[in-house]
Structure formats: C-alpha cells, structure tokens
Amino acid sequence: MPARTGAQYIAGLRERAADIYIGGEKVADVTRHSAFAGGLQTVAGLLDMQHDPAIRDEMTYASPSSGDPVGLSFIMPRNGDDLKRRRKMMRNWAKFSCGMMGRTPDFLNVAVMSMAAAADYSGLNRPQFRQNILDYYEYIRENDIVMTHTLVNLQRSRSVGATPFDDRTEVALSVVDENADGIVVRGARVLATLGPLSDEIAVYPARTRRVPAGDEGKYAFGFAIPCNTQGLKFQCRDTIDLGRSHFDHPAGSRFEEMDAIVFFDDVLVPWQRVFLYNDVELCNRWGERTNRNAHTGHQVVTKNVVKCEFMLGLATLMSETLGSGELPPTQHLIAELIENLEITKALLAASEAQAELDEWGIFCPDYRPLLVARKQMITMYPRMAEILHLLGSSSLMALPAEADLNGPLAEDIHRYMDTDTATAEERIRLFRLAWDVSCSAFGGRQTLYERYFGGDAARNAALLYQTYDRTAQRNLVQEFLSLE
C-alpha cells in the first residue's frame, strides 16, 4: 500500500482496535469518541496532504522497493538535497498544526529510518536483529504506519537509583520471560503521546536516560508492536478537546494529540519485532551510534521553528488589534519573540549546513546545534506563553463565546467590543485563539510538553556538556597561555 489517505488511516484504527481507557471507561471505538475527534481529524488531514496535487511532490517520494509514492519523512537522506526535501515536508506538516502537535508521524518515521540505516548496529547484538529492523522499516514505510512511542518508566520515588539518569524502578518495564516465540515484558511506561491514535508503538531507551547495568539485562531492549497487542493497555489523561466549536476552542478542538500511560501486562513481543535485547551497552549507545537523536532532533526543531513563527504572528496581530504596537514595552516583548524565532532558525540551518555522511552512508544533520535548540525551547516556550499574557491582559478573559455573538447581548457585544482595526467578532476570534494557546487546558499542556517532552533543562544541559567536543577551544587557550 502506498501513502495512505486519512480515510484509510481511520478505517485501520477501527479495524485494529486497541485497549484504550479514559474517564473510567473503556473506549469502544476511538474513531467515534468525542475525546479524540479533533486530533483524529488532524492526523487524517496530515495523511491527506500526501495526495494533494498541489504539494504531493513535496510530501512523497518513490518507494525504493515498490516504486509507489510513500511519505517523504521515511527517506534515507544521501545528500544535502534529500535533507532539505525532508525538512520541507516536515515543515508542511508542522504548519498544518501551527507547530502545536509535537508527535506527528514524521517523528517516529525518521527514528525508525535511522535505526534501519544503521541495521548493522543491531546485528552486533544478534544477527537476526539486523534483518528485523530492516524489515520493520520497510513495513511501516510501505504501509504508512502511524506510530507512537513510550520511553520513560514510572517512578515510585525520584530518589531511587544511584543517578537520576538511571532508568530503574520497581515498576519499570522489564523482560520477565523469553521463549521460542519472543520476549515477555511487564510494567508501565509514560508518556505515549498520540498513543490512542496510533497503529503501532515503539519502545526503546530514552535519549536522556540510561539503561541500568546488572539484573541480567532485563531492562535492555528495543522493539515495536501493534497497539492492539494482547495485554497492552492505554490509560489516557483528561481530554482537552471539550467538544466546543473551532471558534470557541480553535486549538484544543483541533490539536488534541492525547497522552497516555501504557501498561504492559505480560505482553509477548515476537522475536521478529525485537531490534536489541539483553545488551546494556548497545542499548545505551543506540541513539548516539545510529544518529537517531540527530534525525528526530531535525524534525523537532523544524516543528519548533513553525511554532515560534506562529507565536510571533499571534503576538503581532494581538498588538495591532489593541493598537499597542508603538508602545516601547510591546516592542520589547515582541522583539523577544523575534529573537527566539531567529535563534531557532539559525540553529536549524547550522545543523543542515554542517551535515555530513555518517558511518552508515546517511547524510546526517549536525546534532550539536539541534541539541542547543531543543534545550533553548524548554525555557523559551513558557516565556512565549507569558508574553501573550502580558500583551493580552484582560482581553484574554473578556471573551464572549460564539453563541453570545447571536445571543441576547449580541448588539452590545458588537457595539462595544470592536477596535480601531478589528470588528468585535474579529477581536473575539483572535483573543480566543490567544487564550486557548496560552491560558486554557490546551495552553497549559503545551507549556508542560515543551518543558519536559525531551527531558528537563538540567538533563539536556548535562547531555550538551557530555557530548560537545571542547578540545579545539581548550587548545586555543592553552596555546595562548604557552606564549612567552
């Protein structure tokens, strides 16, 4: 099957129903449940973009095995042009959600691609694992599979373990048995974003954590399985798609990608779906050696550029509508958003300008500027939301609903709420968007997501410290000190 349509994706979720729970109940049909309606339609819309004649060539490429058009995020980049084509495709998807959906399918597509390109690395563990990851990559590419992943174990106490980077807890996901059919895993993990809307789930070590040594490698594994695998259950948080109109909740009604705890209740993972197992060192170096972190970082920072653009555009419209654009405090705040955008764009551009062929023959973006950009977003985005608060002030709360525009006080609303540059309806529509992005449950989740989805600021700082080669800079100072 070539690149899927949105309708084919929705039909697939219905046919292969997973065990999903929300609000104390099991979901009978995720494709018809109101909690997931907006996100489902957005993901379907992303897939439909692959069939839009106006941009189809920007979204797909010819499959190397079938010749059919498949999603461009699956491509193995061999040169700079491939990398730029992929970034353009990812940008198109990011624009569709205004950068507000962090786990669109391209994230896991590039992750699996990088692991497959470095299939020999999995082969160091067991020869069959090399073929497993190659087969899986071809399967998701040729069937346009939408994936989620879960990387972090639940914790009973954050004091457990010798170091906060170790991922060992009493309830951690671990191997409890192995047999001729595969490995059996038990435990819980967080936080499967897009989980209820996905076909398959990938499980592998997190970028910011380490698989602990000992325990016969029971925590050391990487695999992928269908979301409807027996014993696999998804517990969702409260939905932030409240069933309101796009006018009342313009972001929350569209971009609810849902997060879920995943319970593995003696889940059998077939051997053909295992990519690494029982080798702590190989698991801990997997992301680095395969350049998975660089490729997923390329997707993340591409999305972040769009998100910065959106926040800057929103702030600009807010100031124009309120007539505050010439005030120095407003200019100071908007200049900060401009700086955030330009810094993020520059770091993305640097990653591509400094890209090189890696040991696996893949043209790989430079990870260092991407890591800096990801760390910067952790502190930049909460401040962006705060800037909207400061620019909007009471206008973020003086917000009649769509129904009020035709209600008993409609005449008063239209008379008193217009501005010099906008009608009352235009003003309300704009500030309902600003409120939804920065103040509502959707806005709060966005801020929390950007703070922690890629690890907290301290972990990212430690990663930057550990991975950044400072030898040349050190030598520069040493050379100066050696001068007579």
Protein backbone atom coordinates (compact mmCIF):
# COMPACT_ATOMS: atom_id res chain seq x y z
CA MET A 1 0.00 0.00 0.00
CA PRO A 2 1.41 3.46 -0.92
CA ALA A 3 0.95 6.60 1.19
CA ARG A 4 -2.41 6.29 2.93
CA THR A 5 -5.32 8.69 2.88
CA GLY A 6 -6.94 9.96 6.05
CA ALA A 7 -9.95 7.72 5.47
CA GLN A 8 -7.73 4.63 5.17
CA TYR A 9 -5.95 5.57 8.40
CA ILE A 10 -9.23 5.98 10.31
CA ALA A 11 -10.55 2.68 8.94
CA GLY A 12 -7.37 0.96 10.12
CA LEU A 13 -7.77 2.24 13.68
CA ARG A 14 -11.35 0.97 13.71
CA GLU A 15 -10.41 -2.47 12.36
CA ARG A 16 -7.47 -2.95 14.75
CA ALA A 17 -8.99 -1.54 17.93
CA ALA A 18 -6.59 -1.15 20.86
CA ASP A 19 -7.44 -1.27 24.57
CA ILE A 20 -7.91 2.42 25.38
CA TYR A 21 -9.37 3.83 28.59
CA ILE A 22 -10.48 7.32 29.53
CA GLY A 23 -12.75 8.71 32.23
CA GLY A 24 -13.13 5.35 33.95
CA GLU A 25 -14.39 3.60 30.84
CA LYS A 26 -13.03 1.50 28.01
CA VAL A 27 -13.28 3.21 24.63
CA ALA A 28 -15.45 1.16 22.29
CA ASP A 29 -14.31 2.93 19.12
CA VAL A 30 -11.58 5.56 19.26
CA THR A 31 -12.61 6.88 15.84
CA ARG A 32 -16.06 7.82 17.15
CA HIS A 33 -15.18 9.03 20.66
CA SER A 34 -15.50 12.76 21.24
CA ALA A 35 -12.29 12.96 23.33
CA PHE A 36 -10.17 12.13 20.27
CA ALA A 37 -12.24 13.69 17.47
CA GLY A 38 -10.17 16.78 16.76
CA GLY A 39 -6.79 15.08 16.90
CA LEU A 40 -8.02 12.20 14.76
CA GLN A 41 -9.19 14.55 12.02
CA THR A 42 -5.91 16.48 12.13
CA VAL A 43 -3.79 13.33 11.74
CA ALA A 44 -6.08 12.22 8.92
CA GLY A 45 -5.60 15.64 7.36
CA LEU A 46 -1.82 15.24 7.51
CA LEU A 47 -2.05 11.99 5.57
CA ASP A 48 -4.43 13.55 3.05
CA MET A 49 -1.80 16.20 2.31
CA GLN A 50 0.24 13.43 0.68
CA HIS A 51 -2.46 13.23 -2.01
CA ASP A 52 -2.94 16.96 -2.61
CA PRO A 53 -1.89 17.53 -6.25
CA ALA A 54 -0.52 20.98 -5.37
CA ILE A 55 2.07 19.64 -2.90
CA ARG A 56 2.17 15.87 -3.50
CA ASP A 57 5.74 16.03 -4.79
CA GLU A 58 6.78 17.83 -1.60
CA MET A 59 5.20 15.15 0.58
CA THR A 60 6.13 11.83 -1.05
CA TYR A 61 8.89 10.06 -2.94
CA ALA A 62 9.08 6.82 -4.93
CA SER A 63 9.49 3.77 -2.72
CA PRO A 64 12.86 2.06 -3.36
CA SER A 65 11.13 -1.34 -3.25
CA SER A 66 7.70 -0.83 -4.85
CA GLY A 67 8.02 2.42 -6.76
CA ASP A 68 4.79 3.63 -5.16
CA PRO A 69 4.65 7.10 -3.59
CA VAL A 70 5.46 6.86 0.13
CA GLY A 71 5.85 9.52 2.81
CA LEU A 72 8.96 11.65 2.38
CA SER A 73 9.74 11.51 6.11
CA PHE A 74 10.75 7.86 5.55
CA ILE A 75 13.54 8.77 3.13
CA MET A 76 17.13 7.79 3.90
CA PRO A 77 18.92 11.08 3.11
CA ARG A 78 22.03 10.53 0.99
CA ASN A 79 22.89 14.20 0.36
CA GLY A 80 22.01 17.73 1.34
CA ASP A 81 19.14 17.93 -1.14
CA ASP A 82 17.47 14.90 0.46
CA LEU A 83 17.80 16.51 3.88
CA LYS A 84 16.25 19.76 2.68
CA ARG A 85 13.42 17.93 0.90
CA ARG A 86 12.65 16.06 4.10
CA ARG A 87 12.71 19.27 6.13
CA LYS A 88 10.33 20.95 3.69
CA MET A 89 7.92 18.03 4.03
CA MET A 90 8.14 18.13 7.83
CA ARG A 91 7.56 21.88 7.77
CA ASN A 92 4.38 21.40 5.74
CA TRP A 93 3.05 19.04 8.40
CA ALA A 94 4.13 21.36 11.22
CA LYS A 95 2.31 24.30 9.59
CA PHE A 96 -0.88 22.23 9.43
CA SER A 97 -0.91 22.11 13.25
CA CYS A 98 0.75 25.53 13.77
CA GLY A 99 3.57 23.61 15.47
CA MET A 100 1.15 22.59 18.25
CA MET A 101 1.36 18.82 17.68
CA GLY A 102 4.72 17.50 18.78
CA ARG A 103 4.21 13.89 17.82
CA THR A 104 3.09 13.95 14.23
CA PRO A 105 4.02 10.70 12.43
CA ASP A 106 7.23 12.07 10.92
CA PHE A 107 8.99 11.95 14.32
CA LEU A 108 8.91 8.15 14.60
CA ASN A 109 9.32 7.74 10.85
CA VAL A 110 12.76 9.35 10.97
CA ALA A 111 13.60 7.47 14.18
CA VAL A 112 12.96 4.05 12.63
CA MET A 113 14.69 5.14 9.42
CA SER A 114 17.89 5.97 11.31
CA MET A 115 17.86 2.65 13.18
CA ALA A 116 17.30 0.76 9.94
CA ALA A 117 20.04 2.66 8.13
CA ALA A 118 22.34 1.53 10.95
CA ALA A 119 20.96 -2.02 10.94
CA ASP A 120 24.48 -3.41 11.33
CA TYR A 121 24.46 -1.92 14.82
CA SER A 122 21.50 -4.12 15.79
CA GLY A 123 23.34 -7.00 14.16
CA LEU A 124 26.13 -6.60 16.69
CA ASN A 125 23.63 -7.83 19.26
CA ARG A 126 22.21 -10.78 17.29
CA PRO A 127 22.42 -11.30 13.51
CA GLN A 128 18.64 -11.65 13.14
CA PHE A 129 18.05 -8.27 14.76
CA ARG A 130 19.72 -6.61 11.77
CA GLN A 131 17.12 -8.05 9.42
CA ASN A 132 14.33 -7.35 11.93
CA ILE A 133 14.87 -3.59 11.90
CA LEU A 134 15.25 -3.51 8.11
CA ASP A 135 12.01 -5.46 7.67
CA TYR A 136 10.19 -3.24 10.14
CA TYR A 137 11.33 -0.05 8.44
CA GLU A 138 10.09 -1.35 5.10
CA TYR A 139 6.80 -2.41 6.69
CA ILE A 140 5.99 0.99 8.19
CA ARG A 141 7.16 2.83 5.07
CA GLU A 142 5.18 0.71 2.62
CA ASN A 143 2.04 0.72 4.82
CA ASP A 144 2.32 4.33 6.06
CA ILE A 145 2.01 3.24 9.68
CA VAL A 146 1.27 5.92 12.30
CA MET A 147 3.38 5.29 15.39
CA THR A 148 3.69 6.34 19.00
CA HIS A 149 6.45 5.50 21.45
CA THR A 150 6.99 5.30 25.18
CA LEU A 151 10.43 5.73 26.68
CA VAL A 152 10.29 6.52 30.40
CA ASN A 153 9.39 4.24 33.30
CA LEU A 154 7.03 5.28 36.05
CA GLN A 155 8.71 6.03 39.38
CA ARG A 156 7.60 5.46 42.95
CA SER A 157 10.34 7.75 44.23
CA ARG A 158 12.74 10.03 42.40
CA SER A 159 15.39 9.21 44.98
CA VAL A 160 15.64 5.65 43.66
CA GLY A 161 18.90 4.79 41.91
CA ALA A 162 22.45 5.98 42.17
CA THR A 163 21.95 8.61 39.48
CA PRO A 164 18.86 10.38 38.09
CA PHE A 165 19.90 9.22 34.63
CA ASP A 166 19.39 5.55 35.52
CA ASP A 167 16.00 4.21 34.47
CA ARG A 168 15.43 1.53 37.08
CA THR A 169 12.33 1.33 39.32
CA GLU A 170 10.28 -1.38 40.94
CA VAL A 171 7.51 -0.86 38.37
CA ALA A 172 9.80 -0.39 35.36
CA LEU A 173 9.04 -2.15 32.13
CA SER A 174 11.24 -5.24 32.08
CA VAL A 175 11.57 -8.65 30.50
CA VAL A 176 10.00 -11.31 32.71
CA ASP A 177 10.35 -14.28 30.37
CA GLU A 178 11.60 -15.38 26.99
CA ASN A 179 10.64 -18.37 24.91
CA ALA A 180 10.70 -19.65 21.36
CA ASP A 181 8.11 -17.07 20.31
CA GLY A 182 9.73 -13.96 21.77
CA ILE A 183 10.23 -11.96 24.95
CA VAL A 184 7.52 -11.25 27.52
CA VAL A 185 7.50 -7.80 29.11
CA ARG A 186 5.68 -6.44 32.14
CA GLY A 187 5.49 -2.95 33.64
CA ALA A 188 4.37 0.58 32.85
CA ARG A 189 5.73 3.46 30.87
CA VAL A 190 4.91 7.09 30.13
CA LEU A 191 4.02 9.06 28.14
CA ALA A 192 2.69 7.74 24.85
CA THR A 193 1.72 10.90 23.03
CA LEU A 194 -0.61 10.13 20.12
CA GLY A 195 -0.91 6.60 21.57
CA PRO A 196 -4.70 6.16 21.15
CA LEU A 197 -4.44 7.48 17.58
CA SER A 198 -1.56 5.23 16.53
CA ASP A 199 -1.28 1.89 14.74
CA GLU A 200 1.93 0.75 16.44
CA ILE A 201 4.08 1.56 19.45
CA ALA A 202 7.89 1.62 19.62
CA VAL A 203 9.78 1.02 22.85
CA TYR A 204 13.45 1.88 23.22
CA PRO A 205 15.79 3.70 25.66
CA ALA A 206 15.19 7.40 26.16
CA ARG A 207 17.70 9.98 24.97
CA THR A 208 18.05 11.45 28.45
CA ARG A 209 18.18 8.23 30.50
CA ARG A 210 20.42 5.20 30.81
CA VAL A 211 19.53 1.54 30.91
CA PRO A 212 20.96 0.31 34.24
CA ALA A 213 23.60 -2.39 34.35
CA GLY A 214 23.01 -5.70 36.08
CA ASP A 215 19.76 -7.60 36.53
CA GLU A 216 20.77 -9.79 33.57
CA GLY A 217 19.87 -7.01 31.12
CA LYS A 218 16.13 -7.26 31.79
CA TYR A 219 15.73 -3.51 31.14
CA ALA A 220 17.79 -3.58 27.93
CA PHE A 221 15.62 -3.90 24.83
CA GLY A 222 14.16 -2.18 21.82
CA PHE A 223 11.08 -3.35 19.96
CA ALA A 224 7.86 -2.30 18.20
CA ILE A 225 4.43 -3.95 18.29
CA PRO A 226 0.86 -3.19 17.17
CA CYS A 227 -1.16 -1.10 19.60
CA ASN A 228 -3.81 -3.80 19.74
CA THR A 229 -1.37 -6.45 21.03
CA GLN A 230 -2.88 -8.58 23.78
CA GLY A 231 -2.04 -7.28 27.26
CA LEU A 232 -1.25 -3.74 26.06
CA LYS A 233 -3.46 -1.04 27.60
CA PHE A 234 -3.52 2.75 27.25
CA GLN A 235 -4.76 4.91 30.13
CA CYS A 236 -5.46 8.42 28.82
CA ARG A 237 -5.44 11.69 30.71
CA ASP A 238 -8.46 14.02 30.62
CA THR A 239 -9.13 15.27 27.13
CA ILE A 240 -8.55 18.91 26.27
CA ASP A 241 -10.87 18.60 23.27
CA LEU A 242 -14.01 19.79 25.04
CA GLY A 243 -16.31 19.34 22.08
CA ARG A 244 -16.62 23.07 21.53
CA SER A 245 -16.52 24.82 18.17
CA HIS A 246 -13.36 25.85 16.36
CA PHE A 247 -14.36 29.44 17.19
CA ASP A 248 -14.52 28.82 20.96
CA HIS A 249 -11.51 26.47 21.21
CA PRO A 250 -9.58 26.96 17.96
CA ALA A 251 -6.51 24.98 19.06
CA GLY A 252 -7.91 22.49 21.56
CA SER A 253 -10.67 21.40 19.20
CA ARG A 254 -8.13 20.54 16.51
CA PHE A 255 -4.79 19.56 18.02
CA GLU A 256 -5.51 17.20 20.93
CA GLU A 257 -2.82 14.57 20.36
CA MET A 258 -3.55 12.88 23.73
CA ASP A 259 -1.03 11.43 26.16
CA ALA A 260 -1.35 8.03 27.80
CA ILE A 261 0.24 5.78 30.38
CA VAL A 262 0.97 2.41 28.81
CA PHE A 263 0.51 -0.76 30.85
CA PHE A 264 2.27 -3.90 29.59
CA ASP A 265 0.55 -6.87 31.23
CA ASP A 266 2.77 -9.83 30.24
CA VAL A 267 2.92 -8.70 26.63
CA LEU A 268 4.54 -11.08 24.18
CA VAL A 269 6.89 -9.35 21.75
CA PRO A 270 7.60 -11.71 18.81
CA TRP A 271 11.29 -12.21 18.04
CA GLN A 272 10.86 -10.64 14.59
CA ARG A 273 9.81 -7.39 16.29
CA VAL A 274 12.86 -7.24 18.61
CA PHE A 275 15.74 -4.97 17.50
CA LEU A 276 18.02 -5.08 20.57
CA TYR A 277 17.92 -7.26 23.65
CA ASN A 278 19.93 -8.01 26.77
CA ASP A 279 22.92 -5.79 25.94
CA VAL A 280 23.07 -2.73 28.18
CA GLU A 281 25.95 -1.03 26.38
CA LEU A 282 24.41 -1.39 22.92
CA CYS A 283 21.07 -0.05 24.21
CA ASN A 284 22.65 2.95 25.92
CA ARG A 285 24.63 3.91 22.82
CA TRP A 286 21.85 3.18 20.33
CA GLY A 287 20.60 6.74 19.85
CA GLU A 288 24.12 8.15 19.53
CA ARG A 289 25.61 5.48 17.26
CA THR A 290 22.66 5.36 14.86
CA ASN A 291 22.27 9.17 14.88
CA ARG A 292 18.63 8.65 15.78
CA ASN A 293 18.78 11.65 18.12
CA ALA A 294 20.07 13.88 15.34
CA HIS A 295 17.33 12.87 12.91
CA THR A 296 14.50 13.17 15.42
CA GLY A 297 16.04 16.45 16.56
CA HIS A 298 15.86 17.67 12.96
CA GLN A 299 12.11 17.01 12.99
CA VAL A 300 11.62 18.59 16.43
CA VAL A 301 13.47 21.80 15.61
CA THR A 302 11.71 22.10 12.25
CA LYS A 303 8.44 21.95 14.19
CA ASN A 304 9.77 24.45 16.73
CA VAL A 305 10.57 26.99 14.02
CA VAL A 306 6.94 26.86 12.90
CA LYS A 307 5.75 27.15 16.49
CA CYS A 308 7.92 30.24 17.02
CA GLU A 309 6.57 31.75 13.78
CA PHE A 310 3.02 31.12 14.92
CA MET A 311 3.55 32.68 18.36
CA LEU A 312 5.20 35.74 16.78
CA GLY A 313 2.36 36.12 14.28
CA LEU A 314 -0.23 35.79 17.05
CA ALA A 315 1.50 38.39 19.21
CA THR A 316 1.74 40.76 16.24
CA LEU A 317 -1.98 40.50 15.49
CA MET A 318 -2.81 41.00 19.16
CA SER A 319 -0.79 44.21 19.34
CA GLU A 320 -2.23 45.50 16.07
CA THR A 321 -5.78 44.78 17.20
CA LEU A 322 -5.28 46.55 20.52
CA GLY A 323 -3.33 49.43 18.96
CA SER A 324 -0.36 48.84 21.26
CA GLY A 325 2.29 48.19 18.64
CA GLU A 326 4.01 51.58 19.03
CA LEU A 327 4.39 51.26 22.79
CA PRO A 328 8.00 50.51 23.84
CA PRO A 329 7.00 47.71 26.27
CA THR A 330 5.10 45.96 23.48
CA GLN A 331 8.01 46.29 21.09
CA HIS A 332 10.36 44.90 23.73
CA LEU A 333 8.19 41.83 24.22
CA ILE A 334 7.70 41.17 20.52
CA ALA A 335 11.43 41.64 19.90
CA GLU A 336 11.99 38.76 22.32
CA LEU A 337 9.77 36.55 20.18
CA ILE A 338 11.70 37.62 17.08
CA GLU A 339 14.95 36.64 18.80
CA ASN A 340 13.54 33.23 19.70
CA LEU A 341 12.50 32.61 16.12
CA GLU A 342 15.76 33.72 14.56
CA ILE A 343 17.88 31.74 17.03
CA THR A 344 15.87 28.58 16.33
CA LYS A 345 16.04 29.12 12.56
CA ALA A 346 19.79 29.71 12.71
CA LEU A 347 20.41 26.55 14.73
CA LEU A 348 18.32 24.50 12.28
CA ALA A 349 20.21 26.00 9.35
CA ALA A 350 23.54 25.30 11.06
CA SER A 351 22.59 21.66 11.56
CA GLU A 352 21.98 21.30 7.82
CA ALA A 353 24.99 23.37 6.74
CA GLN A 354 27.26 21.20 8.90
CA ALA A 355 25.61 17.91 7.93
CA GLU A 356 27.87 15.06 6.87
CA LEU A 357 27.68 11.47 5.71
CA ASP A 358 27.78 9.22 8.74
CA GLU A 359 29.36 5.78 9.02
CA TRP A 360 26.15 4.23 7.70
CA GLY A 361 26.12 6.31 4.50
CA ILE A 362 23.30 8.60 5.65
CA PHE A 363 23.54 12.37 5.31
CA CYS A 364 23.08 13.37 8.90
CA PRO A 365 22.35 16.85 10.33
CA ASP A 366 24.80 18.10 12.92
CA TYR A 367 23.41 17.11 16.31
CA ARG A 368 25.12 19.87 18.31
CA PRO A 369 23.05 22.87 17.16
CA LEU A 370 19.90 20.74 17.32
CA LEU A 371 20.64 19.85 20.93
CA VAL A 372 21.17 23.53 21.73
CA ALA A 373 17.89 24.42 20.00
CA ARG A 374 15.98 21.76 21.93
CA LYS A 375 17.42 22.95 25.22
CA GLN A 376 16.59 26.57 24.39
CA MET A 377 12.95 25.71 23.64
CA ILE A 378 12.50 24.36 27.17
CA THR A 379 12.85 27.87 28.57
CA MET A 380 11.79 29.86 25.51
CA TYR A 381 8.30 28.45 25.10
CA PRO A 382 6.96 29.11 28.63
CA ARG A 383 8.20 32.66 28.21
CA MET A 384 6.39 32.94 24.86
CA ALA A 385 3.13 31.99 26.56
CA GLU A 386 3.85 34.56 29.26
CA ILE A 387 4.43 37.23 26.61
CA LEU A 388 0.95 36.53 25.24
CA HIS A 389 -0.40 37.03 28.78
CA LEU A 390 1.38 40.36 29.06
CA LEU A 391 0.27 41.55 25.64
CA GLY A 392 -3.33 40.40 26.03
CA SER A 393 -4.01 41.27 29.64
CA SER A 394 -7.77 41.49 30.32
CA SER A 395 -8.55 40.88 26.65
CA LEU A 396 -7.69 37.23 27.30
CA MET A 397 -10.62 36.97 29.71
CA ALA A 398 -13.16 39.40 28.24
CA LEU A 399 -14.19 36.73 25.77
CA PRO A 400 -17.80 36.03 24.85
CA ALA A 401 -18.41 32.63 23.27
CA GLU A 402 -19.51 32.05 19.69
CA ALA A 403 -23.10 31.61 20.85
CA ASP A 404 -23.03 35.04 22.54
CA LEU A 405 -22.45 36.74 19.19
CA ASN A 406 -26.03 35.85 18.34
CA GLY A 407 -27.37 35.83 21.90
CA PRO A 408 -29.40 38.35 23.94
CA LEU A 409 -26.44 40.75 24.30
CA ALA A 410 -25.24 40.44 20.71
CA GLU A 411 -25.98 44.08 19.93
CA ASP A 412 -23.96 45.27 22.91
CA ILE A 413 -21.07 42.96 22.10
CA HIS A 414 -20.86 44.23 18.53
CA ARG A 415 -21.24 47.86 19.65
CA TYR A 416 -18.64 47.91 22.42
CA MET A 417 -16.04 45.27 21.63
CA ASP A 418 -14.75 46.41 18.28
CA THR A 419 -11.40 48.24 18.00
CA ASP A 420 -9.91 50.71 15.56
CA THR A 421 -8.62 47.84 13.44
CA ALA A 422 -11.00 44.92 14.06
CA THR A 423 -14.67 44.17 14.39
CA ALA A 424 -15.94 42.72 17.64
CA GLU A 425 -16.12 39.25 16.09
CA GLU A 426 -12.59 39.51 14.69
CA ARG A 427 -11.28 40.64 18.06
CA ILE A 428 -13.02 37.87 19.96
CA ARG A 429 -11.92 35.22 17.48
CA LEU A 430 -8.29 36.33 17.73
CA PHE A 431 -8.19 36.53 21.50
CA ARG A 432 -9.97 33.24 21.94
CA LEU A 433 -7.08 31.74 19.97
CA ALA A 434 -4.52 33.55 22.14
CA TRP A 435 -6.34 32.36 25.27
CA ASP A 436 -6.52 28.76 24.00
CA VAL A 437 -2.81 28.74 23.19
CA SER A 438 -1.60 30.33 26.42
CA CYS A 439 -4.28 30.08 29.15
CA SER A 440 -6.62 27.14 28.61
CA ALA A 441 -6.04 23.48 29.48
CA PHE A 442 -4.68 23.10 25.96
CA GLY A 443 -2.29 26.01 26.54
CA GLY A 444 -1.16 24.60 29.87
CA ARG A 445 -0.44 21.24 28.32
CA GLN A 446 1.57 22.93 25.54
CA THR A 447 3.79 24.66 28.10
CA LEU A 448 4.27 21.49 30.15
CA TYR A 449 5.01 19.50 26.99
CA GLU A 450 7.73 21.86 25.84
CA ARG A 451 9.29 21.90 29.31
CA TYR A 452 9.63 18.14 29.61
CA PHE A 453 8.91 16.08 26.49
CA GLY A 454 12.59 15.93 25.56
CA GLY A 455 13.88 15.80 29.12
CA ASP A 456 14.15 18.70 31.53
CA ALA A 457 16.62 21.57 31.18
CA ALA A 458 19.16 20.06 33.58
CA ARG A 459 19.30 16.74 31.72
CA ASN A 460 19.67 18.49 28.40
CA ALA A 461 22.42 20.69 29.81
CA ALA A 462 24.24 17.58 31.02
CA LEU A 463 23.86 15.97 27.58
CA LEU A 464 25.25 19.07 25.93
CA TYR A 465 28.17 19.12 28.36
CA GLN A 466 28.92 15.43 27.82
CA THR A 467 28.60 15.35 24.03
CA TYR A 468 30.08 18.69 22.95
CA ASP A 469 33.73 18.36 21.94
CA ARG A 470 35.53 21.32 23.50
CA THR A 471 39.04 20.20 22.60
CA ALA A 472 39.68 22.91 19.99
CA GLN A 473 38.54 25.67 22.35
CA ARG A 474 40.65 24.27 25.17
CA ASN A 475 43.69 24.08 22.91
CA LEU A 476 43.15 27.67 21.81
CA VAL A 477 43.50 28.86 25.39
CA GLN A 478 46.42 26.52 26.05
CA GLU A 479 48.24 27.91 23.02
CA PHE A 480 47.77 31.43 24.28
CA LEU A 481 48.99 30.50 27.77
CA SER A 482 52.14 28.98 26.24
CA LEU A 483 53.16 32.24 24.61
CA GLU A 484 56.29 33.89 26.02
